[in-house]
Amino acid sequence: MSPRIRKIVTILEETLIEEGRAVAKPTRRAAALAVIENPFAGSYVEDLGELFDAGEELGALLGARAAAALGIDPTEVESFGKATAIGADGGLEHGAALMHPKLGAPLRALLGKGAALIPSSKKRVGPGATFDIPLGHKDAARVRSHFDGMEVRIADAPRADEIVVAVALTDSGRPHPRVGGLKKEDVKGEDGLR
């Protein structure tokens, strides 16, 4: 069954100056968020399969919207992340069910790769609360220049019986990275680490 979506929000963030210095190529992050009805709000349900399937559909939808906001071919995306903000009547496992079993496959298919684990977070919040989408390089977890995050919020969500599902993508790492580690030019993208 498809998720019942109340609202979709897309956010584009572009950094031109960081630490008082111009960024040679502005760094851009985009997030696409869907506010969905939580079919299991207020009750414990053993079988969360309906949310697994909703996550699969949302992975494709939100990934495509975030890539479009960046204005690049999805194969040019460098890092990714996902998060859920669960309304008061939902459980943390509801957010996990949306993100983990099936959301990643359609997102990776859109990007043409994605060997690394997709960083994720889940949080129970009230309407308008901020939450973070952790970010990491899509093919190699050891690329420190891409350890990052994007803070997002929707003023009227999630309501108690809703979940906000978010996917974030970037066209680069942090501005002016200088903490060492594997460089993106040296990524092999075979094991998800290097």
N, C-alpha and C. Protein backbone atom coordinates (compact mmCIF):
# COMPACT_ATOMS: atom_id res chain seq x y z
N MET A 1 0.83 -1.18 0.00
CA MET A 1 0.00 0.00 0.00
C MET A 1 0.88 1.25 0.00
N SER A 2 0.57 2.22 -0.84
CA SER A 2 1.34 3.46 -0.92
C SER A 2 1.14 4.30 0.33
N PRO A 3 2.18 5.05 0.72
CA PRO A 3 2.02 5.90 1.89
C PRO A 3 1.04 7.03 1.60
N ARG A 4 0.31 7.42 2.62
CA ARG A 4 -0.61 8.55 2.48
C ARG A 4 0.18 9.81 2.79
N ILE A 5 0.53 10.57 1.74
CA ILE A 5 1.40 11.74 1.86
C ILE A 5 0.55 13.00 2.01
N ARG A 6 0.79 13.75 3.09
CA ARG A 6 0.10 15.01 3.29
C ARG A 6 0.85 16.17 2.63
N LYS A 7 2.16 16.10 2.64
CA LYS A 7 2.95 17.23 2.17
C LYS A 7 4.34 16.75 1.77
N ILE A 8 4.91 17.39 0.74
CA ILE A 8 6.31 17.16 0.36
C ILE A 8 7.00 18.52 0.37
N VAL A 9 8.17 18.56 0.99
CA VAL A 9 8.96 19.78 1.08
C VAL A 9 10.35 19.48 0.53
N THR A 10 10.87 20.39 -0.30
CA THR A 10 12.22 20.25 -0.82
C THR A 10 13.02 21.48 -0.40
N ILE A 11 14.23 21.23 0.09
CA ILE A 11 15.09 22.29 0.60
C ILE A 11 16.42 22.24 -0.13
N LEU A 12 16.90 23.38 -0.61
CA LEU A 12 18.21 23.48 -1.23
C LEU A 12 19.04 24.47 -0.44
N GLU A 13 20.23 24.03 -0.04
CA GLU A 13 21.15 24.88 0.71
C GLU A 13 22.44 25.00 -0.08
N GLU A 14 22.91 26.23 -0.28
CA GLU A 14 24.12 26.46 -1.06
C GLU A 14 25.06 27.34 -0.24
N THR A 15 26.28 26.86 0.01
CA THR A 15 27.25 27.61 0.78
C THR A 15 28.25 28.27 -0.16
N LEU A 16 28.33 29.59 -0.07
CA LEU A 16 29.23 30.38 -0.92
C LEU A 16 30.47 30.85 -0.17
N ILE A 17 30.31 31.10 1.14
CA ILE A 17 31.41 31.55 1.98
C ILE A 17 31.39 30.72 3.25
N GLU A 18 32.55 30.23 3.66
CA GLU A 18 32.68 29.45 4.89
C GLU A 18 33.94 29.91 5.60
N GLU A 19 33.84 30.19 6.89
CA GLU A 19 34.97 30.67 7.69
C GLU A 19 35.57 31.94 7.09
N GLY A 20 34.72 32.78 6.51
CA GLY A 20 35.18 34.04 5.95
C GLY A 20 35.86 33.93 4.60
N ARG A 21 35.95 32.73 4.07
CA ARG A 21 36.61 32.51 2.76
C ARG A 21 35.59 32.06 1.74
N ALA A 22 35.73 32.58 0.52
CA ALA A 22 34.86 32.14 -0.57
C ALA A 22 35.11 30.67 -0.86
N VAL A 23 34.06 29.97 -1.23
CA VAL A 23 34.17 28.57 -1.61
C VAL A 23 34.32 28.54 -3.13
N ALA A 24 35.42 27.96 -3.61
CA ALA A 24 35.72 27.98 -5.05
C ALA A 24 34.53 27.48 -5.87
N LYS A 25 34.02 26.33 -5.50
CA LYS A 25 32.79 25.79 -6.12
C LYS A 25 31.78 25.67 -4.99
N PRO A 26 30.72 26.48 -4.99
CA PRO A 26 29.76 26.41 -3.89
C PRO A 26 29.32 24.97 -3.60
N THR A 27 29.22 24.66 -2.31
CA THR A 27 28.76 23.33 -1.93
C THR A 27 27.25 23.36 -1.78
N ARG A 28 26.61 22.32 -2.26
CA ARG A 28 25.15 22.29 -2.22
C ARG A 28 24.64 21.00 -1.60
N ARG A 29 23.63 21.18 -0.77
CA ARG A 29 22.91 20.06 -0.16
C ARG A 29 21.43 20.24 -0.46
N ALA A 30 20.77 19.15 -0.76
CA ALA A 30 19.33 19.21 -0.99
C ALA A 30 18.67 18.10 -0.19
N ALA A 31 17.53 18.42 0.38
CA ALA A 31 16.76 17.42 1.11
C ALA A 31 15.32 17.44 0.60
N ALA A 32 14.76 16.27 0.45
CA ALA A 32 13.35 16.13 0.11
C ALA A 32 12.69 15.40 1.28
N LEU A 33 11.59 15.95 1.77
CA LEU A 33 10.90 15.41 2.94
C LEU A 33 9.44 15.14 2.61
N ALA A 34 8.94 14.02 3.06
CA ALA A 34 7.53 13.68 2.89
C ALA A 34 6.90 13.52 4.26
N VAL A 35 5.78 14.15 4.45
CA VAL A 35 5.00 14.01 5.69
C VAL A 35 3.94 12.96 5.39
N ILE A 36 4.04 11.83 6.08
CA ILE A 36 3.10 10.73 5.81
C ILE A 36 2.30 10.37 7.06
N GLU A 37 1.15 9.80 6.81
CA GLU A 37 0.34 9.27 7.90
C GLU A 37 1.02 8.02 8.46
N ASN A 38 1.07 7.89 9.77
CA ASN A 38 1.61 6.70 10.40
C ASN A 38 0.45 5.74 10.65
N PRO A 39 0.35 4.65 9.85
CA PRO A 39 -0.79 3.75 10.00
C PRO A 39 -0.79 3.00 11.33
N PHE A 40 0.33 3.02 12.05
CA PHE A 40 0.44 2.28 13.30
C PHE A 40 0.53 3.19 14.52
N ALA A 41 0.25 4.48 14.35
CA ALA A 41 0.30 5.42 15.47
C ALA A 41 -0.63 4.97 16.58
N GLY A 42 -0.13 5.01 17.79
CA GLY A 42 -0.95 4.69 18.96
C GLY A 42 -1.12 3.23 19.27
N SER A 43 -0.44 2.35 18.52
CA SER A 43 -0.60 0.92 18.81
C SER A 43 0.69 0.17 18.49
N TYR A 44 0.85 -0.97 19.13
CA TYR A 44 1.98 -1.85 18.84
C TYR A 44 1.52 -2.87 17.81
N VAL A 45 2.28 -2.97 16.72
CA VAL A 45 1.98 -3.93 15.65
C VAL A 45 3.25 -4.71 15.37
N GLU A 46 3.15 -6.02 15.34
CA GLU A 46 4.34 -6.86 15.11
C GLU A 46 4.84 -6.75 13.67
N ASP A 47 3.94 -6.80 12.71
CA ASP A 47 4.32 -6.81 11.29
C ASP A 47 4.32 -5.38 10.73
N LEU A 48 5.50 -4.85 10.46
CA LEU A 48 5.64 -3.48 9.95
C LEU A 48 5.86 -3.44 8.44
N GLY A 49 5.50 -4.51 7.76
CA GLY A 49 5.72 -4.63 6.32
C GLY A 49 5.14 -3.50 5.50
N GLU A 50 4.03 -2.95 5.93
CA GLU A 50 3.43 -1.83 5.20
C GLU A 50 4.39 -0.64 5.16
N LEU A 51 5.13 -0.42 6.26
CA LEU A 51 6.10 0.67 6.29
C LEU A 51 7.34 0.34 5.46
N PHE A 52 7.72 -0.95 5.41
CA PHE A 52 8.84 -1.35 4.54
C PHE A 52 8.54 -0.92 3.11
N ASP A 53 7.34 -1.27 2.64
CA ASP A 53 6.94 -0.96 1.26
C ASP A 53 6.84 0.55 1.03
N ALA A 54 6.34 1.27 2.02
CA ALA A 54 6.26 2.74 1.90
C ALA A 54 7.67 3.32 1.78
N GLY A 55 8.61 2.79 2.53
CA GLY A 55 10.00 3.26 2.46
C GLY A 55 10.59 3.07 1.08
N GLU A 56 10.27 1.95 0.46
CA GLU A 56 10.76 1.69 -0.90
C GLU A 56 10.25 2.75 -1.88
N GLU A 57 8.97 3.04 -1.80
CA GLU A 57 8.38 4.05 -2.68
C GLU A 57 8.96 5.43 -2.40
N LEU A 58 9.15 5.75 -1.13
CA LEU A 58 9.67 7.06 -0.76
C LEU A 58 11.14 7.21 -1.11
N GLY A 59 11.91 6.13 -1.08
CA GLY A 59 13.32 6.20 -1.48
C GLY A 59 13.47 6.69 -2.91
N ALA A 60 12.63 6.17 -3.80
CA ALA A 60 12.66 6.58 -5.21
C ALA A 60 12.17 8.02 -5.36
N LEU A 61 11.03 8.33 -4.75
CA LEU A 61 10.41 9.65 -4.89
C LEU A 61 11.29 10.75 -4.32
N LEU A 62 11.72 10.59 -3.07
CA LEU A 62 12.49 11.64 -2.41
C LEU A 62 13.89 11.77 -2.99
N GLY A 63 14.49 10.65 -3.38
CA GLY A 63 15.80 10.71 -4.03
C GLY A 63 15.75 11.51 -5.32
N ALA A 64 14.73 11.25 -6.13
CA ALA A 64 14.59 11.96 -7.41
C ALA A 64 14.36 13.46 -7.17
N ARG A 65 13.55 13.79 -6.17
CA ARG A 65 13.28 15.21 -5.89
C ARG A 65 14.53 15.93 -5.38
N ALA A 66 15.29 15.28 -4.51
CA ALA A 66 16.52 15.91 -4.00
C ALA A 66 17.54 16.09 -5.11
N ALA A 67 17.71 15.09 -5.97
CA ALA A 67 18.65 15.20 -7.08
C ALA A 67 18.22 16.31 -8.03
N ALA A 68 16.93 16.41 -8.31
CA ALA A 68 16.42 17.47 -9.19
C ALA A 68 16.69 18.84 -8.59
N ALA A 69 16.56 18.98 -7.27
CA ALA A 69 16.83 20.26 -6.62
C ALA A 69 18.29 20.66 -6.77
N LEU A 70 19.19 19.68 -6.78
CA LEU A 70 20.60 19.98 -6.98
C LEU A 70 20.88 20.39 -8.43
N GLY A 71 20.00 20.00 -9.35
CA GLY A 71 20.18 20.35 -10.75
C GLY A 71 21.29 19.57 -11.43
N ILE A 72 21.57 18.36 -10.94
CA ILE A 72 22.62 17.54 -11.53
C ILE A 72 22.06 16.17 -11.87
N ASP A 73 22.77 15.46 -12.71
CA ASP A 73 22.41 14.08 -12.99
C ASP A 73 22.57 13.31 -11.68
N PRO A 74 21.64 12.44 -11.32
CA PRO A 74 21.76 11.70 -10.06
C PRO A 74 23.08 10.93 -9.90
N THR A 75 23.70 10.53 -10.99
CA THR A 75 24.96 9.80 -10.88
C THR A 75 26.10 10.70 -10.40
N GLU A 76 25.90 12.02 -10.41
CA GLU A 76 26.91 12.97 -9.95
C GLU A 76 26.81 13.27 -8.46
N VAL A 77 25.80 12.75 -7.79
CA VAL A 77 25.66 12.94 -6.35
C VAL A 77 26.88 12.34 -5.65
N GLU A 78 27.39 13.06 -4.64
CA GLU A 78 28.57 12.57 -3.93
C GLU A 78 28.25 11.98 -2.56
N SER A 79 27.28 12.52 -1.85
CA SER A 79 26.96 11.94 -0.55
C SER A 79 25.46 11.89 -0.34
N PHE A 80 25.07 11.05 0.63
CA PHE A 80 23.66 10.84 0.89
C PHE A 80 23.40 10.58 2.36
N GLY A 81 22.12 10.69 2.74
CA GLY A 81 21.71 10.40 4.10
C GLY A 81 20.19 10.31 4.15
N LYS A 82 19.69 9.76 5.26
CA LYS A 82 18.24 9.61 5.43
C LYS A 82 17.91 9.78 6.91
N ALA A 83 16.68 10.19 7.17
CA ALA A 83 16.25 10.38 8.56
C ALA A 83 14.73 10.34 8.62
N THR A 84 14.23 10.06 9.82
CA THR A 84 12.81 10.15 10.07
C THR A 84 12.58 10.94 11.36
N ALA A 85 11.49 11.70 11.37
CA ALA A 85 11.02 12.39 12.56
C ALA A 85 9.63 11.83 12.82
N ILE A 86 9.48 11.15 13.93
CA ILE A 86 8.25 10.42 14.23
C ILE A 86 7.40 11.23 15.21
N GLY A 87 6.12 11.36 14.90
CA GLY A 87 5.19 12.05 15.78
C GLY A 87 5.00 11.31 17.10
N ALA A 88 4.44 12.00 18.09
CA ALA A 88 4.36 11.52 19.47
C ALA A 88 3.66 10.17 19.64
N ASP A 89 2.71 9.83 18.77
CA ASP A 89 1.99 8.57 18.93
C ASP A 89 2.66 7.40 18.20
N GLY A 90 3.79 7.66 17.57
CA GLY A 90 4.50 6.61 16.85
C GLY A 90 5.68 6.08 17.63
N GLY A 91 6.22 4.97 17.16
CA GLY A 91 7.39 4.37 17.79
C GLY A 91 8.63 4.58 16.94
N LEU A 92 9.79 4.55 17.59
CA LEU A 92 11.05 4.67 16.85
C LEU A 92 11.17 3.58 15.80
N GLU A 93 10.62 2.42 16.09
CA GLU A 93 10.70 1.31 15.13
C GLU A 93 9.91 1.61 13.85
N HIS A 94 8.92 2.48 13.95
CA HIS A 94 8.18 2.88 12.75
C HIS A 94 9.11 3.63 11.79
N GLY A 95 9.93 4.53 12.35
CA GLY A 95 10.91 5.24 11.53
C GLY A 95 11.95 4.30 10.95
N ALA A 96 12.40 3.35 11.77
CA ALA A 96 13.37 2.36 11.28
C ALA A 96 12.79 1.52 10.16
N ALA A 97 11.53 1.15 10.28
CA ALA A 97 10.88 0.33 9.26
C ALA A 97 10.79 1.06 7.92
N LEU A 98 10.63 2.36 7.97
CA LEU A 98 10.58 3.14 6.73
C LEU A 98 11.96 3.24 6.07
N MET A 99 13.01 3.32 6.88
CA MET A 99 14.34 3.59 6.33
C MET A 99 15.17 2.37 5.97
N HIS A 100 15.10 1.31 6.76
CA HIS A 100 16.14 0.30 6.63
C HIS A 100 15.89 -0.86 5.68
N PRO A 101 14.77 -1.52 5.70
CA PRO A 101 14.71 -2.70 4.82
C PRO A 101 14.71 -2.39 3.33
N LYS A 102 14.01 -1.31 2.89
CA LYS A 102 13.82 -1.15 1.44
C LYS A 102 14.11 0.24 0.87
N LEU A 103 14.24 1.28 1.66
CA LEU A 103 14.41 2.62 1.12
C LEU A 103 15.70 2.76 0.31
N GLY A 104 16.75 2.10 0.73
CA GLY A 104 18.06 2.27 0.09
C GLY A 104 18.17 1.76 -1.33
N ALA A 105 17.53 0.66 -1.66
CA ALA A 105 17.69 0.06 -3.00
C ALA A 105 17.26 1.00 -4.12
N PRO A 106 16.07 1.61 -4.07
CA PRO A 106 15.72 2.52 -5.16
C PRO A 106 16.57 3.79 -5.18
N LEU A 107 17.03 4.22 -4.02
CA LEU A 107 17.90 5.39 -3.97
C LEU A 107 19.24 5.08 -4.65
N ARG A 108 19.81 3.93 -4.32
CA ARG A 108 21.06 3.53 -4.96
C ARG A 108 20.88 3.34 -6.48
N ALA A 109 19.77 2.77 -6.88
CA ALA A 109 19.50 2.58 -8.31
C ALA A 109 19.46 3.93 -9.03
N LEU A 110 18.83 4.91 -8.41
CA LEU A 110 18.77 6.25 -8.99
C LEU A 110 20.16 6.85 -9.14
N LEU A 111 21.00 6.65 -8.13
CA LEU A 111 22.34 7.25 -8.13
C LEU A 111 23.34 6.47 -8.98
N GLY A 112 22.98 5.28 -9.40
CA GLY A 112 23.89 4.49 -10.21
C GLY A 112 24.94 3.77 -9.40
N LYS A 113 24.95 3.95 -8.11
CA LYS A 113 25.86 3.24 -7.22
C LYS A 113 25.42 3.53 -5.80
N GLY A 114 26.34 3.52 -4.89
CA GLY A 114 26.03 3.75 -3.49
C GLY A 114 26.48 2.58 -2.66
N ALA A 115 27.78 2.27 -2.74
CA ALA A 115 28.33 1.10 -2.06
C ALA A 115 28.34 1.24 -0.54
N ALA A 116 28.39 2.47 -0.04
CA ALA A 116 28.47 2.69 1.40
C ALA A 116 27.09 2.58 2.05
N LEU A 117 27.08 2.31 3.34
CA LEU A 117 25.83 2.37 4.10
C LEU A 117 25.31 3.80 4.07
N ILE A 118 24.01 3.95 4.00
CA ILE A 118 23.41 5.28 4.00
C ILE A 118 23.27 5.72 5.46
N PRO A 119 23.98 6.79 5.86
CA PRO A 119 23.85 7.24 7.25
C PRO A 119 22.39 7.57 7.56
N SER A 120 21.97 7.29 8.79
CA SER A 120 20.56 7.52 9.12
C SER A 120 20.39 7.93 10.57
N SER A 121 19.24 8.54 10.83
CA SER A 121 18.86 8.85 12.21
C SER A 121 17.34 8.83 12.30
N LYS A 122 16.87 8.61 13.50
CA LYS A 122 15.44 8.64 13.77
C LYS A 122 15.24 9.33 15.10
N LYS A 123 14.13 10.06 15.21
CA LYS A 123 13.90 10.86 16.40
C LYS A 123 12.40 11.07 16.57
N ARG A 124 11.91 10.97 17.80
CA ARG A 124 10.51 11.29 18.07
C ARG A 124 10.45 12.77 18.43
N VAL A 125 9.59 13.53 17.72
CA VAL A 125 9.53 14.98 17.91
C VAL A 125 8.09 15.47 17.79
N GLY A 126 7.91 16.73 18.13
CA GLY A 126 6.63 17.39 17.93
C GLY A 126 6.67 18.23 16.67
N PRO A 127 5.55 18.81 16.29
CA PRO A 127 5.50 19.64 15.08
C PRO A 127 6.51 20.79 15.13
N GLY A 128 7.19 20.99 14.02
CA GLY A 128 8.12 22.10 13.90
C GLY A 128 9.51 21.87 14.47
N ALA A 129 9.74 20.72 15.08
CA ALA A 129 11.06 20.44 15.66
C ALA A 129 12.09 20.22 14.55
N THR A 130 13.31 20.63 14.83
CA THR A 130 14.38 20.36 13.88
C THR A 130 14.91 18.95 14.09
N PHE A 131 15.41 18.38 13.02
CA PHE A 131 16.11 17.10 13.13
C PHE A 131 17.21 17.07 12.08
N ASP A 132 18.20 16.23 12.30
CA ASP A 132 19.38 16.17 11.43
C ASP A 132 19.35 14.96 10.53
N ILE A 133 19.79 15.19 9.29
CA ILE A 133 20.00 14.09 8.35
C ILE A 133 21.52 13.93 8.25
N PRO A 134 22.07 12.84 8.78
CA PRO A 134 23.52 12.65 8.67
C PRO A 134 23.90 12.35 7.23
N LEU A 135 25.10 12.76 6.84
CA LEU A 135 25.56 12.57 5.47
C LEU A 135 26.91 11.87 5.44
N GLY A 136 27.12 11.07 4.41
CA GLY A 136 28.40 10.42 4.18
C GLY A 136 28.56 10.15 2.69
N HIS A 137 29.81 9.98 2.26
CA HIS A 137 30.08 9.70 0.85
C HIS A 137 29.31 8.46 0.42
N LYS A 138 28.72 8.49 -0.77
CA LYS A 138 27.85 7.41 -1.21
C LYS A 138 28.58 6.10 -1.50
N ASP A 139 29.88 6.16 -1.80
CA ASP A 139 30.59 4.93 -2.17
C ASP A 139 31.69 4.52 -1.22
N ALA A 140 32.11 5.43 -0.32
CA ALA A 140 33.24 5.11 0.56
C ALA A 140 33.09 5.83 1.89
N ALA A 141 32.80 5.08 2.92
CA ALA A 141 32.55 5.66 4.25
C ALA A 141 33.76 6.36 4.84
N ARG A 142 34.95 6.09 4.34
CA ARG A 142 36.16 6.68 4.92
C ARG A 142 36.55 8.02 4.30
N VAL A 143 35.70 8.60 3.50
CA VAL A 143 35.98 9.92 2.91
C VAL A 143 35.52 10.97 3.93
N ARG A 144 36.45 11.43 4.78
CA ARG A 144 36.11 12.33 5.89
C ARG A 144 35.57 13.68 5.42
N SER A 145 35.96 14.12 4.24
CA SER A 145 35.48 15.41 3.74
C SER A 145 33.97 15.43 3.54
N HIS A 146 33.36 14.25 3.54
CA HIS A 146 31.92 14.16 3.31
C HIS A 146 31.14 13.78 4.58
N PHE A 147 31.83 13.71 5.74
CA PHE A 147 31.11 13.52 7.01
C PHE A 147 30.41 14.85 7.29
N ASP A 148 29.10 14.84 7.29
CA ASP A 148 28.38 16.10 7.40
C ASP A 148 26.96 15.83 7.88
N GLY A 149 26.13 16.82 7.83
CA GLY A 149 24.74 16.68 8.19
C GLY A 149 23.96 17.88 7.70
N MET A 150 22.67 17.70 7.61
CA MET A 150 21.80 18.80 7.18
C MET A 150 20.63 18.87 8.15
N GLU A 151 20.45 20.03 8.75
CA GLU A 151 19.35 20.24 9.68
C GLU A 151 18.11 20.67 8.90
N VAL A 152 16.97 20.05 9.21
CA VAL A 152 15.72 20.35 8.51
C VAL A 152 14.57 20.45 9.51
N ARG A 153 13.49 21.04 9.05
CA ARG A 153 12.27 21.09 9.86
C ARG A 153 11.10 21.45 8.95
N ILE A 154 9.91 21.06 9.38
CA ILE A 154 8.67 21.46 8.72
C ILE A 154 7.79 22.04 9.82
N ALA A 155 7.32 23.25 9.63
CA ALA A 155 6.62 23.98 10.69
C ALA A 155 5.45 23.23 11.30
N ASP A 156 4.68 22.50 10.50
CA ASP A 156 3.48 21.85 11.02
C ASP A 156 3.57 20.32 11.05
N ALA A 157 4.77 19.79 11.09
CA ALA A 157 4.91 18.34 11.06
C ALA A 157 6.13 17.90 11.87
N PRO A 158 6.09 16.68 12.39
CA PRO A 158 5.00 15.72 12.27
C PRO A 158 3.94 15.93 13.34
N ARG A 159 2.69 15.75 12.94
CA ARG A 159 1.61 15.69 13.90
C ARG A 159 1.76 14.36 14.64
N ALA A 160 1.01 14.17 15.71
CA ALA A 160 1.17 12.98 16.55
C ALA A 160 1.05 11.67 15.77
N ASP A 161 0.23 11.66 14.73
CA ASP A 161 0.00 10.44 13.97
C ASP A 161 0.71 10.45 12.61
N GLU A 162 1.82 11.20 12.52
CA GLU A 162 2.56 11.31 11.26
C GLU A 162 4.03 10.97 11.45
N ILE A 163 4.69 10.79 10.33
CA ILE A 163 6.14 10.62 10.27
C ILE A 163 6.65 11.48 9.12
N VAL A 164 7.74 12.18 9.36
CA VAL A 164 8.43 12.88 8.29
C VAL A 164 9.59 11.99 7.86
N VAL A 165 9.64 11.67 6.58
CA VAL A 165 10.72 10.86 6.01
C VAL A 165 11.56 11.79 5.14
N ALA A 166 12.88 11.77 5.35
CA ALA A 166 13.76 12.70 4.64
C ALA A 166 14.92 11.98 3.98
N VAL A 167 15.27 12.44 2.78
CA VAL A 167 16.46 11.99 2.06
C VAL A 167 17.24 13.24 1.70
N ALA A 168 18.55 13.24 1.98
CA ALA A 168 19.41 14.36 1.61
C ALA A 168 20.52 13.87 0.69
N LEU A 169 20.85 14.72 -0.28
CA LEU A 169 21.91 14.43 -1.24
C LEU A 169 22.79 15.66 -1.37
N THR A 170 24.06 15.48 -1.73
CA THR A 170 24.95 16.61 -1.96
C THR A 170 25.69 16.44 -3.28
N ASP A 171 26.23 17.57 -3.76
CA ASP A 171 27.07 17.52 -4.95
C ASP A 171 28.55 17.65 -4.59
N SER A 172 28.85 17.60 -3.28
CA SER A 172 30.22 17.81 -2.81
C SER A 172 30.30 17.44 -1.33
N GLY A 173 31.51 17.62 -0.78
CA GLY A 173 31.69 17.45 0.66
C GLY A 173 31.55 18.80 1.35
N ARG A 174 32.11 18.89 2.57
CA ARG A 174 32.08 20.16 3.30
C ARG A 174 32.96 21.20 2.60
N PRO A 175 32.65 22.48 2.79
CA PRO A 175 33.53 23.52 2.25
C PRO A 175 34.88 23.50 2.99
N HIS A 176 35.95 23.68 2.27
CA HIS A 176 37.31 23.77 2.82
C HIS A 176 37.68 22.59 3.74
N PRO A 177 37.48 21.34 3.33
CA PRO A 177 37.80 20.21 4.21
C PRO A 177 39.32 20.10 4.43
N ARG A 178 39.72 19.79 5.66
CA ARG A 178 41.14 19.67 5.94
C ARG A 178 41.42 18.80 7.17
N VAL A 179 40.67 17.69 7.29
CA VAL A 179 40.92 16.78 8.41
C VAL A 179 41.51 15.45 7.93
N GLY A 180 42.02 15.42 6.72
CA GLY A 180 42.69 14.22 6.21
C GLY A 180 41.72 13.14 5.79
N GLY A 181 42.25 11.93 5.72
CA GLY A 181 41.43 10.79 5.32
C GLY A 181 41.48 10.54 3.83
N LEU A 182 40.74 9.55 3.41
CA LEU A 182 40.67 9.17 2.01
C LEU A 182 40.11 10.33 1.19
N LYS A 183 40.75 10.64 0.08
CA LYS A 183 40.27 11.70 -0.81
C LYS A 183 39.25 11.12 -1.79
N LYS A 184 38.28 11.93 -2.17
CA LYS A 184 37.23 11.42 -3.06
C LYS A 184 37.80 10.95 -4.39
N GLU A 185 38.91 11.55 -4.84
CA GLU A 185 39.53 11.12 -6.10
C GLU A 185 40.09 9.70 -6.02
N ASP A 186 40.35 9.21 -4.79
CA ASP A 186 40.95 7.89 -4.60
C ASP A 186 39.94 6.80 -4.27
N VAL A 187 38.67 7.12 -4.31
CA VAL A 187 37.62 6.16 -3.97
C VAL A 187 37.56 5.05 -5.00
N LYS A 188 37.51 3.80 -4.51
CA LYS A 188 37.32 2.65 -5.39
C LYS A 188 35.84 2.26 -5.44
N GLY A 189 35.13 2.45 -4.34
CA GLY A 189 33.69 2.22 -4.29
C GLY A 189 33.29 0.77 -4.40
N GLU A 190 34.13 -0.14 -3.92
CA GLU A 190 33.82 -1.57 -4.03
C GLU A 190 33.29 -2.17 -2.73
N ASP A 191 33.87 -1.77 -1.60
CA ASP A 191 33.48 -2.38 -0.33
C ASP A 191 32.67 -1.46 0.58
N GLY A 192 32.39 -0.24 0.10
CA GLY A 192 31.64 0.71 0.91
C GLY A 192 32.50 1.48 1.88
N LEU A 193 33.77 1.11 2.01
CA LEU A 193 34.66 1.79 2.94
C LEU A 193 35.68 2.67 2.22
N ARG A 194 36.28 2.14 1.12
CA ARG A 194 37.37 2.85 0.42
C ARG A 194 37.01 3.21 -0.98
